[in-house]
Structure formats: C-alpha cells, structure tokens
Amino acid sequence: MSHDSNTGRPAQAAGQRRFLVKTNDGDVVVVVDTAAGGLDDDLFSFEPATAETMAGIDMTTPLSAFGSKVVDLIELQGTETFTGSSALLELLVKEKATFELRRIERFAKELRAEAPA
C-alpha cells in the first residue's frame, strides 16, 4: 500500500498543521503543508493515528465536520494561482475539498484492512 505519509518527521514539524480526523474506519492524522498553495496536490498528507503522530493534537474532528475545515484550509493557503472566474474557483475549491475527504476515507479503510485481526 502506498500511504500519503510523513512518517519520520517530528510530530509538529515546522510548516505543518495537524488534525486528528475520526472516520467510520478509524482515526487519521491529516497533515497540512503550510508552504503549499491551497490548490496544490501536496497540501494534505495523511498518517496513521499513533501516539507519536498524535502528539500535540488535543481535539478529534469527525470527518463530516472536517469538510468545512478543508474548504477553510484551502482558502487560507491561497488560491491566487488560479486565473479563472470566481464562480469556477468556488466550484474548484469545493471539488478539491470533496476529493480530499474521499482520500481521507480511503486512507482509513486501507489502514483498517492492513491491521492485524
């Protein structure tokens, strides 16, 4: 399996924001690269929820509630590289947020499938 992981990095590395997201298949640590733009492919990466990766995270957010946070994070990181209309930008941000939520779900399902029974 190919994880979108930053394994080996310190729990609160410079240039990162970390969130613990609860899915139906398990918890996932979502890492936001604060150096990336809002529409960049590498804005979000994921890690298994372990004691090490959860260090410094004091709140768990359900996946359903994290959706609006993803939109906020995309907008916070900036979308100035996009040169289309504002209506198209709004659609693109929502589509990216939906895509990232699905990636989080897939990551959690893959982790659960790999876990020893």
PDB file of N, CA and C in Angstrom:
ATOM      1  N   MET A   1       0.840  -1.181   0.000  1.00  0.00           N
ATOM      2  CA  MET A   1       0.000   0.000   0.000  1.00  0.00           C
ATOM      3  C   MET A   1       0.880   1.237   0.000  1.00  0.00           C
ATOM      4  N   SER A   2       0.467   2.261  -0.683  1.00  0.00           N
ATOM      5  CA  SER A   2       1.232   3.499  -0.701  1.00  0.00           C
ATOM      6  C   SER A   2       0.507   4.527   0.154  1.00  0.00           C
ATOM      7  N   HIS A   3       1.070   4.793   1.322  1.00  0.00           N
ATOM      8  CA  HIS A   3       0.484   5.776   2.230  1.00  0.00           C
ATOM      9  C   HIS A   3       0.920   7.167   1.812  1.00  0.00           C
ATOM     10  N   ASP A   4       0.035   8.151   2.006  1.00  0.00           N
ATOM     11  CA  ASP A   4       0.418   9.548   1.886  1.00  0.00           C
ATOM     12  C   ASP A   4       0.921   9.919   3.270  1.00  0.00           C
ATOM     13  N   SER A   5       2.187   9.689   3.517  1.00  0.00           N
ATOM     14  CA  SER A   5       2.664   9.775   4.882  1.00  0.00           C
ATOM     15  C   SER A   5       3.896  10.652   5.010  1.00  0.00           C
ATOM     16  N   ASN A   6       4.046  11.231   6.167  1.00  0.00           N
ATOM     17  CA  ASN A   6       5.242  11.984   6.516  1.00  0.00           C
ATOM     18  C   ASN A   6       5.953  11.282   7.654  1.00  0.00           C
ATOM     19  N   THR A   7       5.921   9.963   7.666  1.00  0.00           N
ATOM     20  CA  THR A   7       6.500   9.194   8.742  1.00  0.00           C
ATOM     21  C   THR A   7       7.956   9.587   8.923  1.00  0.00           C
ATOM     22  N   GLY A   8       8.367   9.706  10.172  1.00  0.00           N
ATOM     23  CA  GLY A   8       9.738  10.062  10.467  1.00  0.00           C
ATOM     24  C   GLY A   8       9.916  11.543  10.746  1.00  0.00           C
ATOM     25  N   ARG A   9       8.949  12.346  10.424  1.00  0.00           N
ATOM     26  CA  ARG A   9       9.038  13.767  10.727  1.00  0.00           C
ATOM     27  C   ARG A   9       8.606  13.996  12.169  1.00  0.00           C
ATOM     28  N   PRO A  10       9.150  15.022  12.809  1.00  0.00           N
ATOM     29  CA  PRO A  10       8.682  15.341  14.162  1.00  0.00           C
ATOM     30  C   PRO A  10       7.197  15.644  14.153  1.00  0.00           C
ATOM     31  N   ALA A  11       6.553  15.372  15.280  1.00  0.00           N
ATOM     32  CA  ALA A  11       5.100  15.499  15.369  1.00  0.00           C
ATOM     33  C   ALA A  11       4.609  16.890  14.983  1.00  0.00           C
ATOM     34  N   GLN A  12       5.325  17.929  15.325  1.00  0.00           N
ATOM     35  CA  GLN A  12       4.915  19.287  14.962  1.00  0.00           C
ATOM     36  C   GLN A  12       6.038  19.951  14.171  1.00  0.00           C
ATOM     37  N   ALA A  13       6.374  19.383  13.036  1.00  0.00           N
ATOM     38  CA  ALA A  13       7.428  19.934  12.201  1.00  0.00           C
ATOM     39  C   ALA A  13       7.057  21.334  11.745  1.00  0.00           C
ATOM     40  N   ALA A  14       8.086  22.138  11.505  1.00  0.00           N
ATOM     41  CA  ALA A  14       7.850  23.492  11.015  1.00  0.00           C
ATOM     42  C   ALA A  14       7.112  23.425   9.688  1.00  0.00           C
ATOM     43  N   GLY A  15       6.180  24.337   9.513  1.00  0.00           N
ATOM     44  CA  GLY A  15       5.457  24.386   8.253  1.00  0.00           C
ATOM     45  C   GLY A  15       4.327  23.384   8.146  1.00  0.00           C
ATOM     46  N   GLN A  16       3.879  22.866   9.287  1.00  0.00           N
ATOM     47  CA  GLN A  16       2.790  21.896   9.272  1.00  0.00           C
ATOM     48  C   GLN A  16       1.704  22.281  10.277  1.00  0.00           C
ATOM     49  N   ARG A  17       0.490  21.952   9.902  1.00  0.00           N
ATOM     50  CA  ARG A  17      -0.641  21.971  10.840  1.00  0.00           C
ATOM     51  C   ARG A  17      -1.187  20.568  10.829  1.00  0.00           C
ATOM     52  N   ARG A  18      -1.576  20.048  11.985  1.00  0.00           N
ATOM     53  CA  ARG A  18      -2.002  18.665  12.095  1.00  0.00           C
ATOM     54  C   ARG A  18      -3.387  18.583  12.738  1.00  0.00           C
ATOM     55  N   PHE A  19      -4.197  17.665  12.204  1.00  0.00           N
ATOM     56  CA  PHE A  19      -5.552  17.464  12.702  1.00  0.00           C
ATOM     57  C   PHE A  19      -5.815  15.977  12.832  1.00  0.00           C
ATOM     58  N   LEU A  20      -6.514  15.590  13.884  1.00  0.00           N
ATOM     59  CA  LEU A  20      -6.941  14.210  14.055  1.00  0.00           C
ATOM     60  C   LEU A  20      -8.385  14.116  13.587  1.00  0.00           C
ATOM     61  N   VAL A  21      -8.610  13.286  12.550  1.00  0.00           N
ATOM     62  CA  VAL A  21      -9.930  13.167  11.940  1.00  0.00           C
ATOM     63  C   VAL A  21     -10.464  11.764  12.193  1.00  0.00           C
ATOM     64  N   LYS A  22     -11.676  11.684  12.719  1.00  0.00           N
ATOM     65  CA  LYS A  22     -12.335  10.402  13.018  1.00  0.00           C
ATOM     66  C   LYS A  22     -13.201  10.002  11.839  1.00  0.00           C
ATOM     67  N   THR A  23     -12.942   8.806  11.296  1.00  0.00           N
ATOM     68  CA  THR A  23     -13.775   8.264  10.223  1.00  0.00           C
ATOM     69  C   THR A  23     -14.455   7.002  10.738  1.00  0.00           C
ATOM     70  N   ASN A  24     -15.355   6.442   9.949  1.00  0.00           N
ATOM     71  CA  ASN A  24     -16.012   5.194  10.331  1.00  0.00           C
ATOM     72  C   ASN A  24     -15.033   4.036  10.383  1.00  0.00           C
ATOM     73  N   ASP A  25     -13.899   4.168   9.706  1.00  0.00           N
ATOM     74  CA  ASP A  25     -12.914   3.089   9.649  1.00  0.00           C
ATOM     75  C   ASP A  25     -11.715   3.304  10.553  1.00  0.00           C
ATOM     76  N   GLY A  26     -11.678   4.401  11.264  1.00  0.00           N
ATOM     77  CA  GLY A  26     -10.572   4.661  12.174  1.00  0.00           C
ATOM     78  C   GLY A  26     -10.115   6.105  12.080  1.00  0.00           C
ATOM     79  N   ASP A  27      -9.199   6.460  12.957  1.00  0.00           N
ATOM     80  CA  ASP A  27      -8.688   7.824  13.017  1.00  0.00           C
ATOM     81  C   ASP A  27      -7.519   8.004  12.063  1.00  0.00           C
ATOM     82  N   VAL A  28      -7.407   9.213  11.512  1.00  0.00           N
ATOM     83  CA  VAL A  28      -6.341   9.571  10.584  1.00  0.00           C
ATOM     84  C   VAL A  28      -5.778  10.924  11.004  1.00  0.00           C
ATOM     85  N   VAL A  29      -4.467  11.047  10.991  1.00  0.00           N
ATOM     86  CA  VAL A  29      -3.837  12.342  11.218  1.00  0.00           C
ATOM     87  C   VAL A  29      -3.678  13.003   9.848  1.00  0.00           C
ATOM     88  N   VAL A  30      -4.288  14.168   9.703  1.00  0.00           N
ATOM     89  CA  VAL A  30      -4.197  14.941   8.463  1.00  0.00           C
ATOM     90  C   VAL A  30      -3.149  16.017   8.680  1.00  0.00           C
ATOM     91  N   VAL A  31      -2.157  16.041   7.800  1.00  0.00           N
ATOM     92  CA  VAL A  31      -1.060  16.998   7.891  1.00  0.00           C
ATOM     93  C   VAL A  31      -1.224  18.014   6.766  1.00  0.00           C
ATOM     94  N   VAL A  32      -1.235  19.285   7.123  1.00  0.00           N
ATOM     95  CA  VAL A  32      -1.352  20.365   6.150  1.00  0.00           C
ATOM     96  C   VAL A  32       0.020  21.008   6.002  1.00  0.00           C
ATOM     97  N   ASP A  33       0.525  21.023   4.780  1.00  0.00           N
ATOM     98  CA  ASP A  33       1.803  21.670   4.481  1.00  0.00           C
ATOM     99  C   ASP A  33       1.534  23.155   4.289  1.00  0.00           C
ATOM    100  N   THR A  34       1.929  23.955   5.255  1.00  0.00           N
ATOM    101  CA  THR A  34       1.619  25.379   5.202  1.00  0.00           C
ATOM    102  C   THR A  34       2.419  26.122   4.138  1.00  0.00           C
ATOM    103  N   ALA A  35       3.404  25.463   3.538  1.00  0.00           N
ATOM    104  CA  ALA A  35       4.155  26.081   2.449  1.00  0.00           C
ATOM    105  C   ALA A  35       3.467  25.869   1.102  1.00  0.00           C
ATOM    106  N   ALA A  36       2.506  24.961   1.047  1.00  0.00           N
ATOM    107  CA  ALA A  36       1.810  24.654  -0.206  1.00  0.00           C
ATOM    108  C   ALA A  36       0.669  25.635  -0.433  1.00  0.00           C
ATOM    109  N   GLY A  37       0.317  25.825  -1.692  1.00  0.00           N
ATOM    110  CA  GLY A  37      -0.840  26.642  -2.037  1.00  0.00           C
ATOM    111  C   GLY A  37      -2.113  25.847  -1.833  1.00  0.00           C
ATOM    112  N   GLY A  38      -3.220  26.529  -1.737  1.00  0.00           N
ATOM    113  CA  GLY A  38      -4.498  25.879  -1.476  1.00  0.00           C
ATOM    114  C   GLY A  38      -4.913  24.869  -2.517  1.00  0.00           C
ATOM    115  N   LEU A  39      -4.513  25.059  -3.759  1.00  0.00           N
ATOM    116  CA  LEU A  39      -4.901  24.145  -4.826  1.00  0.00           C
ATOM    117  C   LEU A  39      -3.802  23.146  -5.182  1.00  0.00           C
ATOM    118  N   ASP A  40      -2.682  23.180  -4.445  1.00  0.00           N
ATOM    119  CA  ASP A  40      -1.569  22.268  -4.713  1.00  0.00           C
ATOM    120  C   ASP A  40      -1.921  20.836  -4.332  1.00  0.00           C
ATOM    121  N   ASP A  41      -1.387  19.891  -5.086  1.00  0.00           N
ATOM    122  CA  ASP A  41      -1.636  18.472  -4.813  1.00  0.00           C
ATOM    123  C   ASP A  41      -1.057  18.026  -3.480  1.00  0.00           C
ATOM    124  N   ASP A  42       0.014  18.664  -3.023  1.00  0.00           N
ATOM    125  CA  ASP A  42       0.675  18.238  -1.791  1.00  0.00           C
ATOM    126  C   ASP A  42       0.250  19.038  -0.560  1.00  0.00           C
ATOM    127  N   LEU A  43      -0.879  19.708  -0.637  1.00  0.00           N
ATOM    128  CA  LEU A  43      -1.361  20.474   0.520  1.00  0.00           C
ATOM    129  C   LEU A  43      -1.640  19.561   1.708  1.00  0.00           C
ATOM    130  N   PHE A  44      -2.259  18.405   1.455  1.00  0.00           N
ATOM    131  CA  PHE A  44      -2.620  17.473   2.525  1.00  0.00           C
ATOM    132  C   PHE A  44      -1.861  16.164   2.372  1.00  0.00           C
ATOM    133  N   SER A  45      -1.424  15.618   3.484  1.00  0.00           N
ATOM    134  CA  SER A  45      -0.909  14.252   3.527  1.00  0.00           C
ATOM    135  C   SER A  45      -1.489  13.600   4.776  1.00  0.00           C
ATOM    136  N   PHE A  46      -1.384  12.279   4.840  1.00  0.00           N
ATOM    137  CA  PHE A  46      -2.052  11.544   5.913  1.00  0.00           C
ATOM    138  C   PHE A  46      -1.087  10.602   6.594  1.00  0.00           C
ATOM    139  N   GLU A  47      -1.340  10.376   7.883  1.00  0.00           N
ATOM    140  CA  GLU A  47      -0.549   9.459   8.696  1.00  0.00           C
ATOM    141  C   GLU A  47      -1.487   8.613   9.545  1.00  0.00           C
ATOM    142  N   PRO A  48      -1.067   7.396   9.854  1.00  0.00           N
ATOM    143  CA  PRO A  48      -1.854   6.596  10.805  1.00  0.00           C
ATOM    144  C   PRO A  48      -1.869   7.312  12.159  1.00  0.00           C
ATOM    145  N   ALA A  49      -2.938   7.171  12.892  1.00  0.00           N
ATOM    146  CA  ALA A  49      -3.049   7.784  14.217  1.00  0.00           C
ATOM    147  C   ALA A  49      -2.321   6.895  15.227  1.00  0.00           C
ATOM    148  N   THR A  50      -1.146   7.330  15.630  1.00  0.00           N
ATOM    149  CA  THR A  50      -0.358   6.639  16.648  1.00  0.00           C
ATOM    150  C   THR A  50      -0.041   7.638  17.756  1.00  0.00           C
ATOM    151  N   ALA A  51       0.491   7.154  18.855  1.00  0.00           N
ATOM    152  CA  ALA A  51       0.846   8.062  19.949  1.00  0.00           C
ATOM    153  C   ALA A  51       1.830   9.117  19.459  1.00  0.00           C
ATOM    154  N   GLU A  52       2.764   8.720  18.613  1.00  0.00           N
ATOM    155  CA  GLU A  52       3.768   9.656  18.105  1.00  0.00           C
ATOM    156  C   GLU A  52       3.157  10.696  17.159  1.00  0.00           C
ATOM    157  N   THR A  53       2.330  10.247  16.211  1.00  0.00           N
ATOM    158  CA  THR A  53       1.789  11.183  15.222  1.00  0.00           C
ATOM    159  C   THR A  53       0.696  12.075  15.812  1.00  0.00           C
ATOM    160  N   MET A  54       0.092  11.639  16.931  1.00  0.00           N
ATOM    161  CA  MET A  54      -0.955  12.443  17.561  1.00  0.00           C
ATOM    162  C   MET A  54      -0.413  13.383  18.631  1.00  0.00           C
ATOM    163  N   ALA A  55       0.891  13.349  18.877  1.00  0.00           N
ATOM    164  CA  ALA A  55       1.489  14.210  19.895  1.00  0.00           C
ATOM    165  C   ALA A  55       1.182  15.671  19.583  1.00  0.00           C
ATOM    166  N   GLY A  56       0.645  16.364  20.555  1.00  0.00           N
ATOM    167  CA  GLY A  56       0.328  17.775  20.391  1.00  0.00           C
ATOM    168  C   GLY A  56      -1.044  18.051  19.814  1.00  0.00           C
ATOM    169  N   ILE A  57      -1.763  17.021  19.403  1.00  0.00           N
ATOM    170  CA  ILE A  57      -3.123  17.208  18.897  1.00  0.00           C
ATOM    171  C   ILE A  57      -4.074  16.928  20.047  1.00  0.00           C
ATOM    172  N   ASP A  58      -4.907  17.904  20.384  1.00  0.00           N
ATOM    173  CA  ASP A  58      -5.764  17.732  21.557  1.00  0.00           C
ATOM    174  C   ASP A  58      -7.253  17.641  21.229  1.00  0.00           C
ATOM    175  N   MET A  59      -7.591  17.583  19.946  1.00  0.00           N
ATOM    176  CA  MET A  59      -9.004  17.537  19.588  1.00  0.00           C
ATOM    177  C   MET A  59      -9.197  16.606  18.389  1.00  0.00           C
ATOM    178  N   THR A  60     -10.263  15.822  18.420  1.00  0.00           N
ATOM    179  CA  THR A  60     -10.630  14.957  17.304  1.00  0.00           C
ATOM    180  C   THR A  60     -11.826  15.567  16.594  1.00  0.00           C
ATOM    181  N   THR A  61     -11.751  15.582  15.268  1.00  0.00           N
ATOM    182  CA  THR A  61     -12.837  16.144  14.467  1.00  0.00           C
ATOM    183  C   THR A  61     -13.455  15.041  13.626  1.00  0.00           C
ATOM    184  N   PRO A  62     -14.774  14.876  13.681  1.00  0.00           N
ATOM    185  CA  PRO A  62     -15.415  13.892  12.804  1.00  0.00           C
ATOM    186  C   PRO A  62     -15.230  14.293  11.335  1.00  0.00           C
ATOM    187  N   LEU A  63     -15.122  13.300  10.467  1.00  0.00           N
ATOM    188  CA  LEU A  63     -14.927  13.566   9.043  1.00  0.00           C
ATOM    189  C   LEU A  63     -16.007  14.487   8.497  1.00  0.00           C
ATOM    190  N   SER A  64     -17.252  14.279   8.919  1.00  0.00           N
ATOM    191  CA  SER A  64     -18.353  15.102   8.409  1.00  0.00           C
ATOM    192  C   SER A  64     -18.159  16.582   8.746  1.00  0.00           C
ATOM    193  N   ALA A  65     -17.591  16.877   9.895  1.00  0.00           N
ATOM    194  CA  ALA A  65     -17.346  18.266  10.290  1.00  0.00           C
ATOM    195  C   ALA A  65     -16.056  18.805   9.687  1.00  0.00           C
ATOM    196  N   PHE A  66     -15.142  17.917   9.333  1.00  0.00           N
ATOM    197  CA  PHE A  66     -13.857  18.346   8.793  1.00  0.00           C
ATOM    198  C   PHE A  66     -13.998  18.912   7.375  1.00  0.00           C
ATOM    199  N   GLY A  67     -15.093  18.599   6.698  1.00  0.00           N
ATOM    200  CA  GLY A  67     -15.320  19.085   5.341  1.00  0.00           C
ATOM    201  C   GLY A  67     -15.250  20.599   5.231  1.00  0.00           C
ATOM    202  N   SER A  68     -15.905  21.294   6.133  1.00  0.00           N
ATOM    203  CA  SER A  68     -15.867  22.758   6.083  1.00  0.00           C
ATOM    204  C   SER A  68     -14.478  23.278   6.443  1.00  0.00           C
ATOM    205  N   LYS A  69     -13.778  22.551   7.305  1.00  0.00           N
ATOM    206  CA  LYS A  69     -12.413  22.934   7.665  1.00  0.00           C
ATOM    207  C   LYS A  69     -11.491  22.815   6.456  1.00  0.00           C
ATOM    208  N   VAL A  70     -11.696  21.775   5.635  1.00  0.00           N
ATOM    209  CA  VAL A  70     -10.873  21.594   4.434  1.00  0.00           C
ATOM    210  C   VAL A  70     -11.051  22.794   3.506  1.00  0.00           C
ATOM    211  N   VAL A  71     -12.288  23.235   3.306  1.00  0.00           N
ATOM    212  CA  VAL A  71     -12.542  24.410   2.465  1.00  0.00           C
ATOM    213  C   VAL A  71     -11.812  25.619   3.040  1.00  0.00           C
ATOM    214  N   ASP A  72     -11.917  25.815   4.352  1.00  0.00           N
ATOM    215  CA  ASP A  72     -11.231  26.940   5.003  1.00  0.00           C
ATOM    216  C   ASP A  72      -9.724  26.858   4.810  1.00  0.00           C
ATOM    217  N   LEU A  73      -9.155  25.660   4.968  1.00  0.00           N
ATOM    218  CA  LEU A  73      -7.705  25.490   4.822  1.00  0.00           C
ATOM    219  C   LEU A  73      -7.253  25.775   3.394  1.00  0.00           C
ATOM    220  N   ILE A  74      -8.020  25.326   2.425  1.00  0.00           N
ATOM    221  CA  ILE A  74      -7.689  25.589   1.018  1.00  0.00           C
ATOM    222  C   ILE A  74      -7.672  27.099   0.770  1.00  0.00           C
ATOM    223  N   GLU A  75      -8.702  27.780   1.241  1.00  0.00           N
ATOM    224  CA  GLU A  75      -8.782  29.232   1.046  1.00  0.00           C
ATOM    225  C   GLU A  75      -7.703  29.969   1.832  1.00  0.00           C
ATOM    226  N   LEU A  76      -7.402  29.503   3.034  1.00  0.00           N
ATOM    227  CA  LEU A  76      -6.362  30.115   3.857  1.00  0.00           C
ATOM    228  C   LEU A  76      -4.988  29.996   3.196  1.00  0.00           C
ATOM    229  N   GLN A  77      -4.728  28.869   2.581  1.00  0.00           N
ATOM    230  CA  GLN A  77      -3.434  28.647   1.930  1.00  0.00           C
ATOM    231  C   GLN A  77      -3.298  29.427   0.628  1.00  0.00           C
ATOM    232  N   GLY A  78      -4.403  29.898   0.107  1.00  0.00           N
ATOM    233  CA  GLY A  78      -4.354  30.777  -1.058  1.00  0.00           C
ATOM    234  C   GLY A  78      -4.705  30.077  -2.359  1.00  0.00           C
ATOM    235  N   THR A  79      -5.424  30.788  -3.179  1.00  0.00           N
ATOM    236  CA  THR A  79      -5.838  30.274  -4.488  1.00  0.00           C
ATOM    237  C   THR A  79      -5.470  31.260  -5.592  1.00  0.00           C
ATOM    238  N   GLU A  80      -4.529  32.145  -5.305  1.00  0.00           N
ATOM    239  CA  GLU A  80      -4.191  33.205  -6.256  1.00  0.00           C
ATOM    240  C   GLU A  80      -3.573  32.694  -7.558  1.00  0.00           C
ATOM    241  N   THR A  81      -3.108  31.459  -7.584  1.00  0.00           N
ATOM    242  CA  THR A  81      -2.547  30.915  -8.824  1.00  0.00           C
ATOM    243  C   THR A  81      -3.630  30.595  -9.840  1.00  0.00           C
ATOM    244  N   PHE A  82      -4.877  30.514  -9.389  1.00  0.00           N
ATOM    245  CA  PHE A  82      -5.991  30.226 -10.291  1.00  0.00           C
ATOM    246  C   PHE A  82      -6.401  31.509 -11.004  1.00  0.00           C
ATOM    247  N   THR A  83      -6.530  31.450 -12.319  1.00  0.00           N
ATOM    248  CA  THR A  83      -6.813  32.663 -13.089  1.00  0.00           C
ATOM    249  C   THR A  83      -8.206  32.679 -13.704  1.00  0.00           C
ATOM    250  N   GLY A  84      -9.033  31.693 -13.365  1.00  0.00           N
ATOM    251  CA  GLY A  84     -10.385  31.641 -13.925  1.00  0.00           C
ATOM    252  C   GLY A  84     -11.354  32.527 -13.161  1.00  0.00           C
ATOM    253  N   SER A  85     -12.617  32.379 -13.481  1.00  0.00           N
ATOM    254  CA  SER A  85     -13.665  33.190 -12.851  1.00  0.00           C
ATOM    255  C   SER A  85     -13.856  32.795 -11.387  1.00  0.00           C
ATOM    256  N   SER A  86     -14.475  33.682 -10.633  1.00  0.00           N
ATOM    257  CA  SER A  86     -14.715  33.410  -9.208  1.00  0.00           C
ATOM    258  C   SER A  86     -15.696  32.251  -9.032  1.00  0.00           C
ATOM    259  N   ALA A  87     -16.668  32.125  -9.936  1.00  0.00           N
ATOM    260  CA  ALA A  87     -17.615  31.004  -9.852  1.00  0.00           C
ATOM    261  C   ALA A  87     -16.898  29.676 -10.084  1.00  0.00           C
ATOM    262  N   LEU A  88     -15.988  29.658 -11.042  1.00  0.00           N
ATOM    263  CA  LEU A  88     -15.219  28.446 -11.318  1.00  0.00           C
ATOM    264  C   LEU A  88     -14.272  28.126 -10.160  1.00  0.00           C
ATOM    265  N   LEU A  89     -13.690  29.148  -9.562  1.00  0.00           N
ATOM    266  CA  LEU A  89     -12.820  28.950  -8.403  1.00  0.00           C
ATOM    267  C   LEU A  89     -13.597  28.341  -7.244  1.00  0.00           C
ATOM    268  N   GLU A  90     -14.783  28.854  -6.978  1.00  0.00           N
ATOM    269  CA  GLU A  90     -15.614  28.315  -5.902  1.00  0.00           C
ATOM    270  C   GLU A  90     -15.913  26.835  -6.137  1.00  0.00           C
ATOM    271  N   LEU A  91     -16.244  26.494  -7.372  1.00  0.00           N
ATOM    272  CA  LEU A  91     -16.507  25.105  -7.732  1.00  0.00           C
ATOM    273  C   LEU A  91     -15.256  24.245  -7.561  1.00  0.00           C
ATOM    274  N   LEU A  92     -14.119  24.767  -7.963  1.00  0.00           N
ATOM    275  CA  LEU A  92     -12.855  24.039  -7.849  1.00  0.00           C
ATOM    276  C   LEU A  92     -12.485  23.780  -6.388  1.00  0.00           C
ATOM    277  N   VAL A  93     -12.676  24.760  -5.530  1.00  0.00           N
ATOM    278  CA  VAL A  93     -12.370  24.606  -4.100  1.00  0.00           C
ATOM    279  C   VAL A  93     -13.268  23.532  -3.491  1.00  0.00           C
ATOM    280  N   LYS A  94     -14.548  23.562  -3.810  1.00  0.00           N
ATOM    281  CA  LYS A  94     -15.475  22.556  -3.275  1.00  0.00           C
ATOM    282  C   LYS A  94     -15.119  21.156  -3.785  1.00  0.00           C
ATOM    283  N   GLU A  95     -14.753  21.069  -5.054  1.00  0.00           N
ATOM    284  CA  GLU A  95     -14.374  19.777  -5.626  1.00  0.00           C
ATOM    285  C   GLU A  95     -13.097  19.244  -4.980  1.00  0.00           C
ATOM    286  N   LYS A  96     -12.115  20.120  -4.742  1.00  0.00           N
ATOM    287  CA  LYS A  96     -10.878  19.693  -4.086  1.00  0.00           C
ATOM    288  C   LYS A  96     -11.169  19.230  -2.661  1.00  0.00           C
ATOM    289  N   ALA A  97     -12.045  19.925  -1.961  1.00  0.00           N
ATOM    290  CA  ALA A  97     -12.395  19.533  -0.597  1.00  0.00           C
ATOM    291  C   ALA A  97     -13.044  18.153  -0.594  1.00  0.00           C
ATOM    292  N   THR A  98     -13.955  17.915  -1.515  1.00  0.00           N
ATOM    293  CA  THR A  98     -14.612  16.609  -1.619  1.00  0.00           C
ATOM    294  C   THR A  98     -13.592  15.526  -1.939  1.00  0.00           C
ATOM    295  N   PHE A  99     -12.687  15.817  -2.852  1.00  0.00           N
ATOM    296  CA  PHE A  99     -11.636  14.870  -3.222  1.00  0.00           C
ATOM    297  C   PHE A  99     -10.772  14.516  -2.013  1.00  0.00           C
ATOM    298  N   GLU A 100     -10.384  15.520  -1.241  1.00  0.00           N
ATOM    299  CA  GLU A 100      -9.530  15.276  -0.072  1.00  0.00           C
ATOM    300  C   GLU A 100     -10.267  14.467   0.997  1.00  0.00           C
ATOM    301  N   LEU A 101     -11.553  14.721   1.193  1.00  0.00           N
ATOM    302  CA  LEU A 101     -12.321  13.932   2.158  1.00  0.00           C
ATOM    303  C   LEU A 101     -12.389  12.475   1.730  1.00  0.00           C
ATOM    304  N   ARG A 102     -12.544  12.225   0.443  1.00  0.00           N
ATOM    305  CA  ARG A 102     -12.546  10.843  -0.051  1.00  0.00           C
ATOM    306  C   ARG A 102     -11.180  10.187   0.136  1.00  0.00           C
ATOM    307  N   ARG A 103     -10.123  10.955  -0.054  1.00  0.00           N
ATOM    308  CA  ARG A 103      -8.773  10.411   0.177  1.00  0.00           C
ATOM    309  C   ARG A 103      -8.588  10.012   1.638  1.00  0.00           C
ATOM    310  N   ILE A 104      -9.104  10.838   2.559  1.00  0.00           N
ATOM    311  CA  ILE A 104      -9.011  10.519   3.988  1.00  0.00           C
ATOM    312  C   ILE A 104      -9.754   9.218   4.264  1.00  0.00           C
ATOM    313  N   GLU A 105     -10.946   9.073   3.713  1.00  0.00           N
ATOM    314  CA  GLU A 105     -11.727   7.843   3.906  1.00  0.00           C
ATOM    315  C   GLU A 105     -10.995   6.624   3.351  1.00  0.00           C
ATOM    316  N   ARG A 106     -10.442   6.752   2.151  1.00  0.00           N
ATOM    317  CA  ARG A 106      -9.701   5.626   1.554  1.00  0.00           C
ATOM    318  C   ARG A 106      -8.492   5.259   2.397  1.00  0.00           C
ATOM    319  N   PHE A 107      -7.780   6.261   2.888  1.00  0.00           N
ATOM    320  CA  PHE A 107      -6.610   6.019   3.713  1.00  0.00           C
ATOM    321  C   PHE A 107      -6.998   5.239   4.968  1.00  0.00           C
ATOM    322  N   ALA A 108      -8.083   5.649   5.621  1.00  0.00           N
ATOM    323  CA  ALA A 108      -8.552   4.963   6.830  1.00  0.00           C
ATOM    324  C   ALA A 108      -8.957   3.525   6.513  1.00  0.00           C
ATOM    325  N   LYS A 109      -9.630   3.303   5.393  1.00  0.00           N
ATOM    326  CA  LYS A 109     -10.036   1.949   5.002  1.00  0.00           C
ATOM    327  C   LYS A 109      -8.833   1.070   4.719  1.00  0.00           C
ATOM    328  N   GLU A 110      -7.822   1.622   4.058  1.00  0.00           N
ATOM    329  CA  GLU A 110      -6.598   0.860   3.773  1.00  0.00           C
ATOM    330  C   GLU A 110      -5.881   0.483   5.064  1.00  0.00           C
ATOM    331  N   LEU A 111      -5.836   1.421   6.003  1.00  0.00           N
ATOM    332  CA  LEU A 111      -5.196   1.137   7.298  1.00  0.00           C
ATOM    333  C   LEU A 111      -5.937   0.017   8.021  1.00  0.00           C
ATOM    334  N   ARG A 112      -7.255   0.093   8.020  1.00  0.00           N
ATOM    335  CA  ARG A 112      -8.054  -0.930   8.705  1.00  0.00           C
ATOM    336  C   ARG A 112      -7.856  -2.289   8.045  1.00  0.00           C
ATOM    337  N   ALA A 113      -7.807  -2.318   6.724  1.00  0.00           N
ATOM    338  CA  ALA A 113      -7.630  -3.583   6.003  1.00  0.00           C
ATOM    339  C   ALA A 113      -6.264  -4.202   6.288  1.00  0.00           C
ATOM    340  N   GLU A 114      -5.258  -3.380   6.534  1.00  0.00           N
ATOM    341  CA  GLU A 114      -3.917  -3.882   6.821  1.00  0.00           C
ATOM    342  C   GLU A 114      -3.713  -4.270   8.273  1.00  0.00           C
ATOM    343  N   ALA A 115      -4.578  -3.792   9.145  1.00  0.00           N
ATOM    344  CA  ALA A 115      -4.412  -4.047  10.582  1.00  0.00           C
ATOM    345  C   ALA A 115      -4.607  -5.536  10.866  1.00  0.00           C
ATOM    346  N   PRO A 116      -3.772  -6.082  11.751  1.00  0.00           N
ATOM    347  CA  PRO A 116      -3.953  -7.488  12.128  1.00  0.00           C
ATOM    348  C   PRO A 116      -5.309  -7.684  12.792  1.00  0.00           C
ATOM    349  N   ALA A 117      -5.920  -8.808  12.480  1.00  0.00           N
ATOM    350  CA  ALA A 117      -7.267  -9.095  13.020  1.00  0.00           C
ATOM    351  C   ALA A 117      -7.238  -9.455  14.472  1.00  0.00           C
TER     352      ALA A 117
END
